[in-house]
N, C-alpha and C. Protein backbone atom coordinates (compact mmCIF):
# COMPACT_ATOMS: atom_id res chain seq x y z
N UNK A 1 0.84 -1.18 0.00
CA UNK A 1 0.00 0.00 0.00
C UNK A 1 0.89 1.24 0.00
N UNK A 2 0.55 2.24 -0.83
CA UNK A 2 1.36 3.46 -0.88
C UNK A 2 1.26 4.27 0.41
N UNK A 3 2.24 5.13 0.63
CA UNK A 3 2.24 5.97 1.82
C UNK A 3 1.06 6.94 1.83
N UNK A 4 0.74 7.51 0.68
CA UNK A 4 -0.36 8.45 0.53
C UNK A 4 -1.22 7.98 -0.64
N UNK A 5 -2.52 7.96 -0.43
CA UNK A 5 -3.44 7.59 -1.52
C UNK A 5 -4.69 8.45 -1.42
N UNK A 6 -5.05 9.06 -2.53
CA UNK A 6 -6.25 9.89 -2.62
C UNK A 6 -6.98 9.56 -3.91
N UNK A 7 -8.31 9.62 -3.87
CA UNK A 7 -9.11 9.38 -5.06
C UNK A 7 -10.25 10.38 -5.11
N UNK A 8 -10.57 10.80 -6.31
CA UNK A 8 -11.69 11.72 -6.52
C UNK A 8 -12.16 11.59 -7.95
N UNK A 9 -13.38 12.02 -8.19
CA UNK A 9 -13.92 12.02 -9.54
C UNK A 9 -14.11 13.46 -9.99
N UNK A 10 -13.67 13.74 -11.21
CA UNK A 10 -13.87 15.06 -11.80
C UNK A 10 -14.85 14.91 -12.97
N UNK A 11 -15.66 15.95 -13.24
CA UNK A 11 -16.72 15.84 -14.26
C UNK A 11 -16.23 16.15 -15.68
N UNK A 12 -15.09 15.57 -16.03
CA UNK A 12 -14.50 15.81 -17.35
C UNK A 12 -13.99 14.49 -17.92
N UNK A 13 -13.91 14.37 -19.25
CA UNK A 13 -13.32 13.16 -19.83
C UNK A 13 -11.83 13.05 -19.47
N UNK A 14 -11.32 11.84 -19.52
CA UNK A 14 -9.94 11.57 -19.10
C UNK A 14 -8.91 12.44 -19.80
N UNK A 15 -9.04 12.61 -21.11
CA UNK A 15 -8.05 13.40 -21.85
C UNK A 15 -8.02 14.84 -21.33
N UNK A 16 -9.16 15.41 -21.07
CA UNK A 16 -9.21 16.78 -20.58
C UNK A 16 -8.70 16.85 -19.13
N UNK A 17 -9.06 15.88 -18.31
CA UNK A 17 -8.60 15.85 -16.91
C UNK A 17 -7.07 15.75 -16.85
N UNK A 18 -6.50 14.90 -17.69
CA UNK A 18 -5.04 14.75 -17.75
C UNK A 18 -4.40 16.06 -18.20
N UNK A 19 -4.93 16.63 -19.29
CA UNK A 19 -4.35 17.87 -19.82
C UNK A 19 -4.41 19.00 -18.80
N UNK A 20 -5.51 19.12 -18.09
CA UNK A 20 -5.63 20.16 -17.08
C UNK A 20 -4.60 19.95 -15.97
N UNK A 21 -4.40 18.70 -15.58
CA UNK A 21 -3.41 18.44 -14.53
C UNK A 21 -2.03 18.90 -14.96
N UNK A 22 -1.61 18.56 -16.16
CA UNK A 22 -0.23 18.84 -16.57
C UNK A 22 -0.05 20.19 -17.26
N UNK A 23 -1.05 20.69 -17.96
CA UNK A 23 -0.87 21.93 -18.72
C UNK A 23 -1.39 23.18 -18.01
N UNK A 24 -2.24 23.00 -17.01
CA UNK A 24 -2.79 24.16 -16.31
C UNK A 24 -2.37 24.19 -14.85
N UNK A 25 -1.31 23.49 -14.51
CA UNK A 25 -0.87 23.44 -13.12
C UNK A 25 -0.60 24.83 -12.56
N UNK A 26 -0.08 25.74 -13.39
CA UNK A 26 0.14 27.11 -12.93
C UNK A 26 -1.14 27.78 -12.47
N UNK A 27 -2.28 27.37 -13.02
CA UNK A 27 -3.55 27.99 -12.68
C UNK A 27 -4.12 27.41 -11.39
N UNK A 28 -4.13 26.11 -11.26
CA UNK A 28 -4.81 25.50 -10.11
C UNK A 28 -3.90 25.19 -8.93
N UNK A 29 -2.60 25.12 -9.13
CA UNK A 29 -1.68 24.73 -8.06
C UNK A 29 -1.69 25.77 -6.93
N UNK A 30 -2.00 25.36 -5.69
CA UNK A 30 -2.05 26.32 -4.58
C UNK A 30 -0.64 26.60 -4.02
N UNK A 31 -0.16 27.79 -4.25
CA UNK A 31 1.19 28.14 -3.78
C UNK A 31 1.18 28.68 -2.35
N UNK A 32 0.01 28.85 -1.80
CA UNK A 32 -0.11 29.29 -0.42
C UNK A 32 -1.10 28.38 0.27
N UNK A 33 -1.05 28.36 1.57
CA UNK A 33 -1.97 27.52 2.31
C UNK A 33 -1.32 27.05 3.60
N UNK A 34 -1.87 26.01 4.17
CA UNK A 34 -1.36 25.48 5.42
C UNK A 34 0.08 25.00 5.25
N UNK A 35 0.38 24.42 4.09
CA UNK A 35 1.72 23.92 3.78
C UNK A 35 2.31 24.74 2.64
N UNK A 36 3.62 24.91 2.60
CA UNK A 36 4.22 25.63 1.46
C UNK A 36 4.16 24.77 0.21
N UNK A 37 3.74 25.37 -0.89
CA UNK A 37 3.59 24.64 -2.14
C UNK A 37 4.52 25.16 -3.22
N UNK A 38 5.66 25.69 -2.80
CA UNK A 38 6.64 26.18 -3.73
C UNK A 38 8.02 25.94 -3.15
N UNK A 39 8.97 25.66 -4.04
CA UNK A 39 10.36 25.52 -3.62
C UNK A 39 11.13 26.82 -3.80
N UNK A 40 10.41 27.93 -4.01
CA UNK A 40 11.05 29.23 -4.25
C UNK A 40 11.91 29.64 -3.06
N UNK A 41 13.13 30.10 -3.34
CA UNK A 41 13.95 30.65 -2.26
C UNK A 41 13.25 31.88 -1.66
N UNK A 42 13.60 32.21 -0.43
CA UNK A 42 12.97 33.35 0.25
C UNK A 42 13.22 34.67 -0.48
N UNK A 43 14.26 34.73 -1.29
CA UNK A 43 14.64 35.98 -1.95
C UNK A 43 13.92 36.22 -3.27
N UNK A 44 13.07 35.30 -3.70
CA UNK A 44 12.37 35.47 -4.97
C UNK A 44 10.98 34.86 -4.87
N UNK A 45 10.21 34.98 -5.92
CA UNK A 45 8.86 34.41 -5.92
C UNK A 45 8.74 33.33 -6.99
N UNK A 46 7.81 32.40 -6.80
CA UNK A 46 7.61 31.36 -7.83
C UNK A 46 6.96 31.95 -9.08
N UNK A 47 7.31 31.37 -10.23
CA UNK A 47 6.68 31.77 -11.48
C UNK A 47 5.84 30.64 -12.06
N UNK A 48 6.49 29.50 -12.34
CA UNK A 48 5.80 28.42 -13.03
C UNK A 48 6.16 27.07 -12.42
N UNK A 49 5.23 26.16 -12.52
CA UNK A 49 5.50 24.76 -12.18
C UNK A 49 5.06 23.97 -13.41
N UNK A 50 5.98 23.15 -13.95
CA UNK A 50 5.75 22.57 -15.27
C UNK A 50 6.25 21.14 -15.39
N UNK A 51 5.69 20.49 -16.41
CA UNK A 51 6.14 19.16 -16.83
C UNK A 51 6.71 19.27 -18.24
N UNK A 52 7.85 18.65 -18.49
CA UNK A 52 8.30 18.40 -19.86
C UNK A 52 7.56 17.13 -20.27
N UNK A 53 6.61 17.25 -21.18
CA UNK A 53 5.67 16.19 -21.51
C UNK A 53 6.25 14.99 -22.23
N UNK A 54 7.05 14.21 -21.51
CA UNK A 54 7.60 12.99 -22.09
C UNK A 54 8.25 12.17 -20.98
N UNK A 55 8.34 10.88 -21.22
CA UNK A 55 9.06 10.02 -20.28
C UNK A 55 10.51 10.47 -20.23
N UNK A 56 11.05 10.63 -19.04
CA UNK A 56 12.40 11.14 -18.86
C UNK A 56 12.45 12.65 -18.77
N UNK A 57 11.31 13.31 -19.00
CA UNK A 57 11.24 14.77 -18.92
C UNK A 57 11.30 15.27 -17.49
N UNK A 58 11.46 16.55 -17.38
CA UNK A 58 11.56 17.17 -16.05
C UNK A 58 10.19 17.58 -15.51
N UNK A 59 10.07 17.54 -14.19
CA UNK A 59 8.99 18.18 -13.46
C UNK A 59 9.71 19.23 -12.63
N UNK A 60 9.44 20.52 -12.87
CA UNK A 60 10.27 21.55 -12.28
C UNK A 60 9.49 22.83 -12.01
N UNK A 61 10.10 23.67 -11.19
CA UNK A 61 9.54 24.96 -10.87
C UNK A 61 10.55 26.04 -11.24
N UNK A 62 10.05 27.14 -11.81
CA UNK A 62 10.91 28.27 -12.14
C UNK A 62 10.54 29.45 -11.25
N UNK A 63 11.52 30.35 -11.07
CA UNK A 63 11.35 31.47 -10.15
C UNK A 63 11.63 32.80 -10.84
N UNK A 64 11.16 33.87 -10.23
CA UNK A 64 11.29 35.21 -10.81
C UNK A 64 12.73 35.62 -11.03
N UNK A 65 13.66 35.09 -10.27
CA UNK A 65 15.07 35.46 -10.44
C UNK A 65 15.75 34.67 -11.55
N UNK A 66 14.99 33.82 -12.27
CA UNK A 66 15.54 33.04 -13.37
C UNK A 66 16.04 31.66 -12.98
N UNK A 67 16.07 31.35 -11.70
CA UNK A 67 16.54 30.04 -11.26
C UNK A 67 15.42 29.01 -11.37
N UNK A 68 15.79 27.74 -11.26
CA UNK A 68 14.85 26.62 -11.35
C UNK A 68 15.15 25.61 -10.25
N UNK A 69 14.14 24.83 -9.93
CA UNK A 69 14.32 23.69 -9.04
C UNK A 69 13.75 22.46 -9.72
N UNK A 70 14.56 21.44 -9.91
CA UNK A 70 14.11 20.18 -10.48
C UNK A 70 13.46 19.38 -9.37
N UNK A 71 12.14 19.26 -9.44
CA UNK A 71 11.39 18.52 -8.42
C UNK A 71 11.55 17.03 -8.63
N UNK A 72 11.50 16.61 -9.90
CA UNK A 72 11.63 15.19 -10.20
C UNK A 72 11.67 14.94 -11.70
N UNK A 73 11.78 13.68 -12.04
CA UNK A 73 11.83 13.24 -13.43
C UNK A 73 10.59 12.40 -13.72
N UNK A 74 10.04 12.56 -14.91
CA UNK A 74 8.84 11.82 -15.30
C UNK A 74 9.25 10.39 -15.66
N UNK A 75 8.66 9.43 -14.96
CA UNK A 75 8.97 8.02 -15.22
C UNK A 75 7.91 7.34 -16.09
N UNK A 76 6.68 7.86 -16.07
CA UNK A 76 5.61 7.34 -16.92
C UNK A 76 4.86 8.53 -17.51
N UNK A 77 4.78 8.57 -18.82
CA UNK A 77 4.01 9.59 -19.53
C UNK A 77 3.10 8.85 -20.50
N UNK A 78 1.86 8.61 -20.09
CA UNK A 78 0.92 7.83 -20.88
C UNK A 78 -0.43 8.55 -20.93
N UNK A 79 -0.48 9.72 -21.63
CA UNK A 79 -1.74 10.45 -21.69
C UNK A 79 -2.79 9.67 -22.46
N UNK A 80 -4.03 9.69 -22.06
CA UNK A 80 -4.58 10.42 -20.94
C UNK A 80 -4.81 9.55 -19.71
N UNK A 81 -4.08 8.45 -19.61
CA UNK A 81 -4.39 7.46 -18.57
C UNK A 81 -3.49 7.51 -17.34
N UNK A 82 -2.21 7.83 -17.52
CA UNK A 82 -1.29 7.67 -16.39
C UNK A 82 -0.11 8.63 -16.50
N UNK A 83 0.34 9.08 -15.33
CA UNK A 83 1.48 9.95 -15.19
C UNK A 83 2.20 9.57 -13.90
N UNK A 84 3.52 9.42 -13.96
CA UNK A 84 4.30 9.14 -12.75
C UNK A 84 5.57 9.97 -12.80
N UNK A 85 5.98 10.45 -11.64
CA UNK A 85 7.17 11.29 -11.57
C UNK A 85 7.72 11.30 -10.14
N UNK A 86 8.94 11.75 -10.01
CA UNK A 86 9.55 11.87 -8.70
C UNK A 86 9.18 13.20 -8.04
N UNK A 87 9.27 13.20 -6.72
CA UNK A 87 9.07 14.41 -5.93
C UNK A 87 10.14 14.41 -4.85
N UNK A 88 10.97 15.45 -4.89
CA UNK A 88 12.06 15.51 -3.92
C UNK A 88 12.18 16.90 -3.32
N UNK A 89 12.13 16.93 -2.01
CA UNK A 89 12.44 18.13 -1.26
C UNK A 89 13.96 18.21 -1.17
N UNK A 90 14.55 19.40 -1.29
CA UNK A 90 16.01 19.48 -1.27
C UNK A 90 16.66 19.01 0.05
N UNK A 91 15.87 18.88 1.11
CA UNK A 91 16.43 18.44 2.39
C UNK A 91 16.39 16.92 2.56
N UNK A 92 15.76 16.22 1.61
CA UNK A 92 15.62 14.76 1.72
C UNK A 92 16.83 14.02 1.18
N UNK A 93 16.96 12.78 1.62
CA UNK A 93 18.05 11.91 1.14
C UNK A 93 17.75 11.34 -0.24
N UNK A 94 16.51 11.28 -0.61
CA UNK A 94 16.10 10.72 -1.91
C UNK A 94 14.77 11.32 -2.30
N UNK A 95 14.12 10.70 -3.27
CA UNK A 95 12.83 11.23 -3.73
C UNK A 95 11.72 10.21 -3.49
N UNK A 96 10.50 10.72 -3.52
CA UNK A 96 9.32 9.86 -3.46
C UNK A 96 8.80 9.69 -4.88
N UNK A 97 7.92 8.74 -5.05
CA UNK A 97 7.33 8.46 -6.35
C UNK A 97 5.85 8.79 -6.32
N UNK A 98 5.42 9.64 -7.25
CA UNK A 98 4.02 10.01 -7.38
C UNK A 98 3.47 9.37 -8.65
N UNK A 99 2.26 8.85 -8.55
CA UNK A 99 1.59 8.25 -9.71
C UNK A 99 0.14 8.72 -9.71
N UNK A 100 -0.30 9.16 -10.88
CA UNK A 100 -1.70 9.53 -11.08
C UNK A 100 -2.28 8.66 -12.17
N UNK A 101 -3.46 8.14 -11.91
CA UNK A 101 -4.20 7.36 -12.91
C UNK A 101 -5.51 8.09 -13.17
N UNK A 102 -5.86 8.20 -14.45
CA UNK A 102 -7.06 8.89 -14.89
C UNK A 102 -7.94 7.85 -15.59
N UNK A 103 -8.96 7.36 -14.89
CA UNK A 103 -9.80 6.28 -15.42
C UNK A 103 -11.21 6.80 -15.70
N UNK A 104 -11.71 6.55 -16.91
CA UNK A 104 -13.09 6.95 -17.20
C UNK A 104 -14.05 6.36 -16.18
N UNK A 105 -14.98 7.20 -15.72
CA UNK A 105 -16.00 6.75 -14.77
C UNK A 105 -17.28 7.51 -15.08
N UNK A 106 -18.25 6.82 -15.65
CA UNK A 106 -19.48 7.49 -16.07
C UNK A 106 -19.14 8.56 -17.10
N UNK A 107 -19.60 9.77 -16.85
CA UNK A 107 -19.30 10.88 -17.75
C UNK A 107 -18.07 11.66 -17.30
N UNK A 108 -17.42 11.18 -16.27
CA UNK A 108 -16.26 11.87 -15.74
C UNK A 108 -15.02 11.00 -15.70
N UNK A 109 -14.12 11.35 -14.82
CA UNK A 109 -12.85 10.63 -14.69
C UNK A 109 -12.53 10.43 -13.22
N UNK A 110 -12.18 9.22 -12.87
CA UNK A 110 -11.72 8.90 -11.52
C UNK A 110 -10.21 9.14 -11.50
N UNK A 111 -9.77 10.05 -10.66
CA UNK A 111 -8.35 10.38 -10.52
C UNK A 111 -7.85 9.72 -9.23
N UNK A 112 -6.83 8.89 -9.39
CA UNK A 112 -6.20 8.24 -8.23
C UNK A 112 -4.77 8.76 -8.12
N UNK A 113 -4.46 9.29 -6.96
CA UNK A 113 -3.14 9.85 -6.67
C UNK A 113 -2.48 8.99 -5.61
N UNK A 114 -1.25 8.55 -5.86
CA UNK A 114 -0.49 7.84 -4.84
C UNK A 114 0.90 8.45 -4.75
N UNK A 115 1.45 8.41 -3.56
CA UNK A 115 2.83 8.85 -3.34
C UNK A 115 3.46 7.86 -2.38
N UNK A 116 4.64 7.39 -2.74
CA UNK A 116 5.29 6.34 -1.98
C UNK A 116 6.80 6.62 -1.91
N UNK A 117 7.44 6.05 -0.89
CA UNK A 117 8.89 6.14 -0.80
C UNK A 117 9.42 7.10 0.24
N UNK A 118 8.59 7.52 1.18
CA UNK A 118 9.05 8.45 2.20
C UNK A 118 10.16 7.85 3.07
N UNK A 119 10.09 6.56 3.34
CA UNK A 119 11.15 5.93 4.15
C UNK A 119 12.48 5.99 3.43
N UNK A 120 12.51 5.62 2.15
CA UNK A 120 13.78 5.64 1.41
C UNK A 120 14.26 7.07 1.15
N UNK A 121 13.35 8.05 1.18
CA UNK A 121 13.73 9.45 1.02
C UNK A 121 14.26 10.02 2.35
N UNK A 122 14.15 9.23 3.41
CA UNK A 122 14.63 9.67 4.71
C UNK A 122 13.65 10.56 5.46
N UNK A 123 12.37 10.48 5.10
CA UNK A 123 11.39 11.37 5.72
C UNK A 123 10.08 10.65 6.04
N UNK A 124 10.12 9.48 6.69
CA UNK A 124 8.87 8.74 6.94
C UNK A 124 7.89 9.49 7.84
N UNK A 125 8.37 10.36 8.72
CA UNK A 125 7.50 11.10 9.62
C UNK A 125 6.60 12.11 8.89
N UNK A 126 6.90 12.37 7.62
CA UNK A 126 6.12 13.35 6.86
C UNK A 126 4.86 12.77 6.22
N UNK A 127 4.68 11.46 6.27
CA UNK A 127 3.53 10.83 5.61
C UNK A 127 2.20 11.46 6.02
N UNK A 128 1.89 11.62 7.31
CA UNK A 128 0.58 12.21 7.64
C UNK A 128 0.44 13.66 7.17
N UNK A 129 1.53 14.39 7.15
CA UNK A 129 1.49 15.78 6.67
C UNK A 129 1.23 15.82 5.17
N UNK A 130 1.85 14.91 4.43
CA UNK A 130 1.62 14.85 2.99
C UNK A 130 0.22 14.35 2.66
N UNK A 131 -0.33 13.49 3.49
CA UNK A 131 -1.71 13.05 3.28
C UNK A 131 -2.63 14.27 3.32
N UNK A 132 -2.40 15.15 4.27
CA UNK A 132 -3.21 16.36 4.40
C UNK A 132 -2.90 17.34 3.27
N UNK A 133 -1.63 17.61 3.05
CA UNK A 133 -1.22 18.58 2.03
C UNK A 133 -1.61 18.16 0.63
N UNK A 134 -1.43 16.89 0.31
CA UNK A 134 -1.81 16.40 -1.02
C UNK A 134 -3.33 16.45 -1.18
N UNK A 135 -4.05 16.23 -0.09
CA UNK A 135 -5.51 16.37 -0.14
C UNK A 135 -5.90 17.80 -0.47
N UNK A 136 -5.20 18.76 0.12
CA UNK A 136 -5.47 20.16 -0.17
C UNK A 136 -5.14 20.49 -1.62
N UNK A 137 -4.03 19.98 -2.12
CA UNK A 137 -3.63 20.23 -3.51
C UNK A 137 -4.62 19.58 -4.48
N UNK A 138 -4.98 18.33 -4.22
CA UNK A 138 -5.94 17.65 -5.09
C UNK A 138 -7.29 18.35 -5.08
N UNK A 139 -7.68 18.89 -3.93
CA UNK A 139 -8.94 19.64 -3.84
C UNK A 139 -8.91 20.87 -4.75
N UNK A 140 -7.76 21.53 -4.86
CA UNK A 140 -7.64 22.69 -5.74
C UNK A 140 -7.79 22.26 -7.20
N UNK A 141 -7.18 21.13 -7.55
CA UNK A 141 -7.31 20.59 -8.91
C UNK A 141 -8.77 20.23 -9.21
N UNK A 142 -9.43 19.57 -8.29
CA UNK A 142 -10.83 19.16 -8.47
C UNK A 142 -11.72 20.39 -8.63
N UNK A 143 -11.51 21.41 -7.80
CA UNK A 143 -12.32 22.62 -7.90
C UNK A 143 -12.13 23.29 -9.27
N UNK A 144 -10.90 23.29 -9.76
CA UNK A 144 -10.62 23.87 -11.07
C UNK A 144 -11.34 23.07 -12.17
N UNK A 145 -11.27 21.75 -12.10
CA UNK A 145 -11.96 20.91 -13.09
C UNK A 145 -13.47 21.13 -13.04
N UNK A 146 -14.02 21.23 -11.85
CA UNK A 146 -15.48 21.44 -11.72
C UNK A 146 -15.88 22.81 -12.30
N UNK A 147 -15.06 23.83 -12.05
CA UNK A 147 -15.37 25.16 -12.60
C UNK A 147 -15.33 25.13 -14.12
N UNK A 148 -14.32 24.47 -14.70
CA UNK A 148 -14.23 24.38 -16.16
C UNK A 148 -15.41 23.61 -16.73
N UNK A 149 -15.81 22.55 -16.06
CA UNK A 149 -16.96 21.77 -16.51
C UNK A 149 -18.22 22.62 -16.48
N UNK A 150 -18.42 23.39 -15.42
CA UNK A 150 -19.59 24.25 -15.31
C UNK A 150 -19.59 25.32 -16.40
N UNK A 151 -18.42 25.87 -16.71
CA UNK A 151 -18.32 26.86 -17.79
C UNK A 151 -18.65 26.23 -19.14
N UNK A 152 -18.21 25.02 -19.36
CA UNK A 152 -18.53 24.32 -20.61
C UNK A 152 -20.03 24.10 -20.73
N UNK A 153 -20.68 23.76 -19.63
CA UNK A 153 -22.13 23.57 -19.64
C UNK A 153 -22.84 24.87 -19.99
N UNK A 154 -22.39 25.98 -19.43
CA UNK A 154 -22.98 27.29 -19.73
C UNK A 154 -22.81 27.62 -21.21
N UNK A 155 -21.63 27.37 -21.74
CA UNK A 155 -21.37 27.67 -23.14
C UNK A 155 -22.23 26.81 -24.05
N UNK A 156 -22.43 25.54 -23.70
CA UNK A 156 -23.30 24.67 -24.50
C UNK A 156 -24.75 25.16 -24.46
N UNK A 157 -25.14 25.72 -23.34
CA UNK A 157 -26.48 26.25 -23.20
C UNK A 157 -26.75 27.51 -24.02
N UNK A 158 -25.68 28.19 -24.40
CA UNK A 158 -25.81 29.42 -25.19
C UNK A 158 -25.67 29.18 -26.68
N UNK A 159 -25.46 27.96 -27.09
CA UNK A 159 -25.28 27.66 -28.52
C UNK A 159 -26.59 27.58 -29.24
């Protein structure tokens, strides 16, 4: 069983749910909240959080001062069904593994998020904190998907 596991359904087809996760992360990603959601140094502000859309690509954050932080490497790039990548805090001994699965469910998509490897990263005590923090992050993604779905419904109603 993974260290962290979350599941939710979004009211969008899998291809759109996947694309929103990877291409609109700058829009929905919560950079403030109970937990810090940016690796930005104190002397600058975060700009973008991005995926290089391919297996072996980077998952990284860029900052206003032009610097970057490599969060992890993409190990699985299988749109619109699956995405896996590393997540490493600079203070850890290693990285954790994150996997997202996007499965069609009715007219929407069941999104399953797992994160594993906190013990090998040297941070097993962080599991309950990441369960909470990842829940907060996934909630932001879900809210964004629901808003986009509602806007699409409005636009269809005006056609």
